Amino acid sequence: MANLRDASDKALKLLRTLPRVQIGNLRPNPNSKKPDKRGRAQHGGDKHGAGNKGSGQRQNFMRLGYETGNQPFYLRFPYEPYYKGHHMRRQYPPLSLLQLQVLIDTNRIDISQPVDITTLCNSGLLTLKPAEMEYGFQLTDEGLDNFKAKINIEVQHASEAVIAAVERNGGVIRTAYYDPRSLHILKNPKKWFEKGIPIPQRMLPPQDAIEYYTDAKNRGYLANPEEISKERLVLAQKYGYELPKIEEDASYEMLTAAKDARQLFLGLEPGWLINLVDKTIIKAKTT
């Protein structure tokens, strides 16, 4: 009895010193678990990530769009004529009047000079990708009521409400077309000037865009200036604002500055060579 009492006292004393039984303290019995194979997959790691037989084991990856013998997705559905030539359509990334006003308020854009694609891209906040069929910027009417700047801006597409918002403040807006090569030059002029290549001519619009850029209602750069003056008055009467007189404005020269139909940069003629190292302009000889 004395031995049993000593053993029980010893056991109780040991339990008092040991920690409580918890999940973190539990351990399986020795040699009760068989060690796993390398990896943790369906086959216990003995396939080395290559699957079980067939093309998957041999890493014979199928081409994109192949559906293991079934009729592919692009053949199961009928042809839609709406998408014909969709990848060739010209895209115009949106630029809202709200964004434009923020760029002006934060001094990202100098409105004392005419604003074009180069000015917008040099702001550091707008990008243009001609390789992805982006042909310029489209000025949208978001922030229409809060736009207060007097600006001479050239974009590639604008609605009637946007044109009215710009002209209501005494500004001038113009829509102009640029071919992909010209867009590559305009988005990064420094890169082009460093090549030592003369400035090329701007190409004329394609056949499906001539109607838009020759219409005075769209303020197209190929439209008749007299018709544009008439349309400015008609738009002011339609939207109920008094058309400011540009002729009496102190910034008349800036507001009326415009590029030629074949010109890329305002003040730089096609054929001129810009030397950034010597900071000189080599002009073409006129015969």
Protein backbone atom coordinates (compact mmCIF):
# COMPACT_ATOMS: atom_id res chain seq x y z
CA MET A 1 0.00 0.00 0.00
CA ALA A 2 2.86 2.32 0.75
CA ASN A 3 4.29 1.70 -2.70
CA LEU A 4 0.96 2.48 -4.38
CA ARG A 5 0.56 5.64 -2.32
CA ASP A 6 4.07 6.76 -3.30
CA ALA A 7 3.41 6.06 -6.95
CA SER A 8 0.14 8.00 -6.93
CA ASP A 9 1.76 10.95 -5.15
CA LYS A 10 4.55 10.95 -7.66
CA ALA A 11 2.06 10.87 -10.54
CA LEU A 12 0.03 13.73 -9.08
CA LYS A 13 3.15 15.75 -8.48
CA LEU A 14 4.20 15.17 -12.09
CA LEU A 15 0.77 16.26 -13.39
CA ARG A 16 0.99 19.48 -11.41
CA THR A 17 4.24 20.40 -13.09
CA LEU A 18 3.23 19.35 -16.65
CA PRO A 19 1.29 21.77 -18.92
CA ARG A 20 -2.37 21.29 -19.68
CA VAL A 21 -3.36 18.86 -22.43
CA GLN A 22 -3.92 20.91 -25.58
CA ILE A 23 -4.01 20.33 -29.31
CA GLY A 24 -0.50 21.76 -29.57
CA ASN A 25 0.77 19.21 -27.04
CA LEU A 26 -0.70 16.13 -28.68
CA ARG A 27 1.68 13.91 -30.60
CA PRO A 28 1.05 10.62 -32.40
CA ASN A 29 2.52 7.44 -31.08
CA PRO A 30 6.04 6.70 -32.26
CA ASN A 31 6.22 4.93 -35.67
CA SER A 32 2.44 5.11 -36.06
CA LYS A 33 2.56 7.25 -39.20
CA LYS A 34 4.20 6.29 -42.48
CA PRO A 35 6.29 9.11 -44.04
CA ASP A 36 4.78 10.62 -47.18
CA LYS A 37 6.37 10.52 -50.61
CA ARG A 38 7.91 13.59 -52.15
CA GLY A 39 5.21 16.15 -52.97
CA ARG A 40 1.51 16.31 -52.10
CA ALA A 41 -0.63 15.49 -55.09
CA GLN A 42 -3.16 12.92 -56.13
CA HIS A 43 -0.45 10.34 -56.63
CA GLY A 44 1.63 11.26 -53.60
CA GLY A 45 4.31 12.99 -55.60
CA ASP A 46 5.38 10.01 -57.71
CA LYS A 47 4.30 11.67 -61.00
CA HIS A 48 6.48 14.78 -60.54
CA GLY A 49 3.77 17.16 -61.72
CA ALA A 50 3.42 15.57 -65.17
CA GLY A 51 0.05 13.87 -64.65
CA ASN A 52 -0.92 10.31 -65.46
CA LYS A 53 -0.15 9.02 -68.96
CA GLY A 54 -1.12 10.59 -72.26
CA SER A 55 -0.22 14.01 -73.63
CA GLY A 56 -0.28 15.58 -70.19
CA GLN A 57 2.55 13.34 -69.01
CA ARG A 58 4.58 14.17 -72.10
CA GLN A 59 3.88 17.91 -71.76
CA ASN A 60 2.42 18.01 -75.26
CA PHE A 61 0.53 21.27 -74.70
CA MET A 62 -2.42 21.82 -77.02
CA ARG A 63 -2.65 24.94 -79.16
CA LEU A 64 -4.76 27.87 -78.05
CA GLY A 65 -8.44 27.30 -78.81
CA TYR A 66 -8.22 23.51 -79.22
CA GLU A 67 -10.89 21.68 -77.23
CA THR A 68 -9.74 18.03 -77.43
CA GLY A 69 -11.72 17.11 -80.50
CA ASN A 70 -14.85 19.15 -79.78
CA GLN A 71 -15.96 21.90 -82.09
CA PRO A 72 -14.16 25.03 -80.85
CA PHE A 73 -15.91 28.02 -79.35
CA TYR A 74 -15.17 30.28 -82.29
CA LEU A 75 -16.83 27.76 -84.65
CA ARG A 76 -19.84 26.88 -82.50
CA PHE A 77 -21.28 30.39 -82.69
CA PRO A 78 -22.44 32.05 -85.91
CA TYR A 79 -20.63 34.92 -87.60
CA GLU A 80 -21.73 38.42 -86.60
CA PRO A 81 -21.33 41.05 -89.35
CA TYR A 82 -21.21 43.74 -86.66
CA TYR A 83 -17.68 42.68 -85.73
CA LYS A 84 -16.38 42.74 -89.29
CA GLY A 85 -13.24 44.86 -89.33
CA HIS A 86 -13.62 45.62 -85.62
CA HIS A 87 -9.88 45.26 -85.00
CA MET A 88 -9.24 47.93 -87.65
CA ARG A 89 -11.59 50.58 -86.25
CA ARG A 90 -10.07 53.80 -85.00
CA GLN A 91 -10.20 54.26 -81.23
CA TYR A 92 -10.24 57.59 -79.39
CA PRO A 93 -9.35 57.36 -75.66
CA PRO A 94 -11.65 59.62 -73.61
CA LEU A 95 -10.46 62.83 -71.99
CA SER A 96 -13.17 64.49 -69.91
CA LEU A 97 -13.55 68.21 -69.33
CA LEU A 98 -13.16 67.46 -65.63
CA GLN A 99 -9.74 65.87 -66.21
CA LEU A 100 -8.75 68.76 -68.46
CA GLN A 101 -9.72 71.31 -65.81
CA VAL A 102 -7.70 69.42 -63.17
CA LEU A 103 -4.66 69.38 -65.48
CA ILE A 104 -5.01 73.12 -65.93
CA ASP A 105 -5.50 73.83 -62.21
CA THR A 106 -2.42 71.76 -61.28
CA ASN A 107 -0.28 73.52 -63.91
CA ARG A 108 0.20 70.35 -65.90
CA ILE A 109 -0.94 72.23 -69.00
CA ASP A 110 -0.01 75.77 -70.02
CA ILE A 111 -3.13 77.34 -71.54
CA SER A 112 -1.21 80.42 -72.65
CA GLN A 113 -0.21 78.29 -75.65
CA PRO A 114 -2.36 76.14 -77.97
CA VAL A 115 -2.97 72.64 -76.63
CA ASP A 116 -2.60 69.58 -78.84
CA ILE A 117 -1.65 65.90 -78.55
CA THR A 118 1.96 66.71 -77.65
CA THR A 119 0.88 69.02 -74.83
CA LEU A 120 -1.47 66.40 -73.39
CA CYS A 121 1.10 63.59 -73.57
CA ASN A 122 3.80 65.79 -72.01
CA SER A 123 1.57 66.28 -68.97
CA GLY A 124 2.76 62.86 -67.82
CA LEU A 125 -0.77 61.68 -66.98
CA LEU A 126 -2.09 60.83 -70.44
CA THR A 127 -0.72 58.25 -72.85
CA LEU A 128 -1.48 57.38 -76.44
CA LYS A 129 -0.85 54.02 -78.13
CA PRO A 130 -1.05 54.32 -81.92
CA ALA A 131 -0.05 50.66 -82.27
CA GLU A 132 -3.37 49.73 -80.61
CA MET A 133 -5.42 51.76 -83.10
CA GLU A 134 -5.63 54.83 -80.86
CA TYR A 135 -5.87 57.86 -83.14
CA GLY A 136 -6.01 60.65 -80.57
CA PHE A 137 -8.19 61.93 -77.77
CA GLN A 138 -11.94 62.32 -77.52
CA LEU A 139 -13.10 65.20 -75.34
CA THR A 140 -16.11 64.05 -73.29
CA ASP A 141 -18.72 66.07 -71.39
CA GLU A 142 -17.98 64.84 -67.86
CA GLY A 143 -17.51 67.93 -65.69
CA LEU A 144 -19.29 70.10 -68.23
CA ASP A 145 -20.68 72.60 -65.73
CA ASN A 146 -17.38 73.04 -63.87
CA PHE A 147 -15.19 73.78 -66.87
CA LYS A 148 -14.11 77.44 -66.68
CA ALA A 149 -10.88 77.63 -68.69
CA LYS A 150 -10.36 79.72 -71.81
CA ILE A 151 -8.31 77.48 -74.01
CA ASN A 152 -7.29 76.84 -77.62
CA ILE A 153 -7.37 73.06 -77.87
CA GLU A 154 -7.10 70.56 -80.69
CA VAL A 155 -8.58 67.09 -80.21
CA GLN A 156 -9.68 64.34 -82.55
CA HIS A 157 -13.33 64.03 -81.59
CA ALA A 158 -15.79 66.16 -79.59
CA SER A 159 -19.53 66.28 -79.11
CA GLU A 160 -21.75 69.32 -79.55
CA ALA A 161 -22.10 69.90 -75.80
CA VAL A 162 -18.33 69.84 -75.33
CA ILE A 163 -17.82 72.35 -78.15
CA ALA A 164 -20.40 74.64 -76.55
CA ALA A 165 -18.69 74.35 -73.14
CA VAL A 166 -15.33 75.41 -74.57
CA GLU A 167 -16.68 78.27 -76.71
CA ARG A 168 -18.88 79.57 -73.90
CA ASN A 169 -15.72 80.46 -71.96
CA GLY A 170 -14.23 82.30 -74.94
CA GLY A 171 -12.09 79.37 -76.04
CA VAL A 172 -11.53 77.69 -79.39
CA ILE A 173 -11.76 73.98 -80.13
CA ARG A 174 -10.71 72.19 -83.27
CA THR A 175 -10.91 68.55 -84.37
CA ALA A 176 -8.02 67.27 -86.46
CA TYR A 177 -6.87 63.95 -87.91
CA TYR A 178 -3.38 62.50 -87.56
CA ASP A 179 -2.09 59.38 -89.25
CA PRO A 180 -0.33 56.69 -87.13
CA ARG A 181 3.16 57.84 -88.08
CA SER A 182 2.35 61.41 -87.08
CA LEU A 183 0.90 60.19 -83.78
CA HIS A 184 4.13 58.33 -82.97
CA ILE A 185 6.03 61.58 -83.53
CA LEU A 186 3.62 63.78 -81.59
CA LYS A 187 3.48 61.62 -78.48
CA ASN A 188 7.28 61.79 -78.07
CA PRO A 189 8.83 64.54 -80.23
CA LYS A 190 12.21 64.38 -78.49
CA LYS A 191 12.71 60.77 -79.56
CA TRP A 192 11.98 61.71 -83.16
CA PHE A 193 14.24 64.79 -83.16
CA GLU A 194 17.15 62.73 -81.78
CA LYS A 195 17.00 60.51 -84.87
CA GLY A 196 18.05 63.42 -87.04
CA ILE A 197 15.19 62.93 -89.51
CA PRO A 198 13.28 65.88 -91.02
CA ILE A 199 9.70 66.47 -89.88
CA PRO A 200 7.34 64.67 -92.29
CA GLN A 201 4.05 65.91 -93.63
CA ARG A 202 0.79 64.98 -92.00
CA MET A 203 -1.37 62.70 -94.12
CA LEU A 204 -4.91 63.66 -95.08
CA PRO A 205 -7.85 61.81 -93.48
CA PRO A 206 -9.08 58.55 -95.02
CA GLN A 207 -12.23 58.50 -97.08
CA ASP A 208 -14.53 57.56 -94.18
CA ALA A 209 -13.23 60.43 -92.01
CA ILE A 210 -13.24 63.30 -94.53
CA GLU A 211 -16.91 64.08 -93.93
CA TYR A 212 -16.36 64.54 -90.19
CA TYR A 213 -13.29 66.78 -90.46
CA THR A 214 -14.76 68.96 -93.21
CA ASP A 215 -17.95 69.67 -91.24
CA ALA A 216 -18.08 73.08 -89.54
CA LYS A 217 -20.44 71.71 -86.87
CA ASN A 218 -17.65 69.41 -85.68
CA ARG A 219 -15.12 72.27 -85.90
CA GLY A 220 -13.13 70.21 -88.38
CA TYR A 221 -9.73 71.53 -89.35
CA LEU A 222 -10.61 71.17 -93.03
CA ALA A 223 -13.88 73.11 -92.74
CA ASN A 224 -14.47 76.58 -94.16
CA PRO A 225 -13.59 79.24 -91.50
CA GLU A 226 -16.59 81.36 -92.47
CA GLU A 227 -18.94 78.43 -91.90
CA ILE A 228 -17.30 77.77 -88.53
CA SER A 229 -18.01 81.38 -87.50
CA LYS A 230 -21.66 80.91 -88.41
CA GLU A 231 -21.91 77.62 -86.54
CA ARG A 232 -20.37 79.23 -83.44
CA LEU A 233 -23.21 81.74 -83.40
CA VAL A 234 -25.85 79.08 -84.05
CA LEU A 235 -24.53 76.94 -81.20
CA ALA A 236 -24.54 79.92 -78.81
CA GLN A 237 -28.16 80.64 -79.65
CA LYS A 238 -29.08 76.98 -79.21
CA TYR A 239 -27.51 76.66 -75.75
CA GLY A 240 -28.47 80.16 -74.62
CA TYR A 241 -25.18 81.87 -73.91
CA GLU A 242 -23.59 85.02 -75.26
CA LEU A 243 -20.74 84.24 -77.61
CA PRO A 244 -17.56 86.06 -76.47
CA LYS A 245 -15.86 88.20 -79.13
CA ILE A 246 -12.47 86.68 -79.78
CA GLU A 247 -11.41 89.69 -81.86
CA GLU A 248 -11.47 91.90 -78.77
CA ASP A 249 -9.68 89.40 -76.54
CA ALA A 250 -6.13 90.12 -75.35
CA SER A 251 -5.17 86.53 -76.28
CA TYR A 252 -6.46 86.86 -79.83
CA GLU A 253 -3.24 85.65 -81.46
CA MET A 254 -3.08 82.57 -79.23
CA LEU A 255 -6.74 81.70 -79.71
CA THR A 256 -6.55 81.97 -83.51
CA ALA A 257 -3.27 80.07 -83.87
CA ALA A 258 -3.81 76.92 -85.90
CA LYS A 259 -1.73 74.36 -87.76
CA ASP A 260 -1.74 73.83 -91.46
CA ALA A 261 -3.48 70.71 -92.76
CA ARG A 262 -0.07 69.12 -93.42
CA GLN A 263 1.70 70.47 -90.34
CA LEU A 264 2.58 68.45 -87.22
CA PHE A 265 4.02 71.09 -84.90
CA LEU A 266 2.86 74.68 -84.58
CA GLY A 267 5.71 76.90 -85.76
CA LEU A 268 7.70 74.05 -87.36
CA GLU A 269 7.19 73.34 -91.04
CA PRO A 270 7.44 69.89 -92.66
CA GLY A 271 10.94 69.24 -93.99
CA TRP A 272 12.71 71.11 -91.20
CA LEU A 273 15.38 69.31 -89.20
CA ILE A 274 15.64 69.89 -85.43
CA ASN A 275 19.10 69.55 -83.86
CA LEU A 276 18.69 69.22 -80.10
CA VAL A 277 22.44 69.09 -79.42
CA ASP A 278 23.26 72.38 -81.12
CA LYS A 279 19.75 73.76 -80.48
CA THR A 280 19.37 74.77 -84.11
CA ILE A 281 16.74 74.38 -86.80
CA ILE A 282 17.86 73.40 -90.30
CA LYS A 283 15.27 74.62 -92.77
CA ALA A 284 14.67 73.13 -96.18
CA LYS A 285 15.63 75.18 -99.19
CA THR A 286 12.75 76.69 -101.10
CA THR A 287 13.08 76.61 -104.86
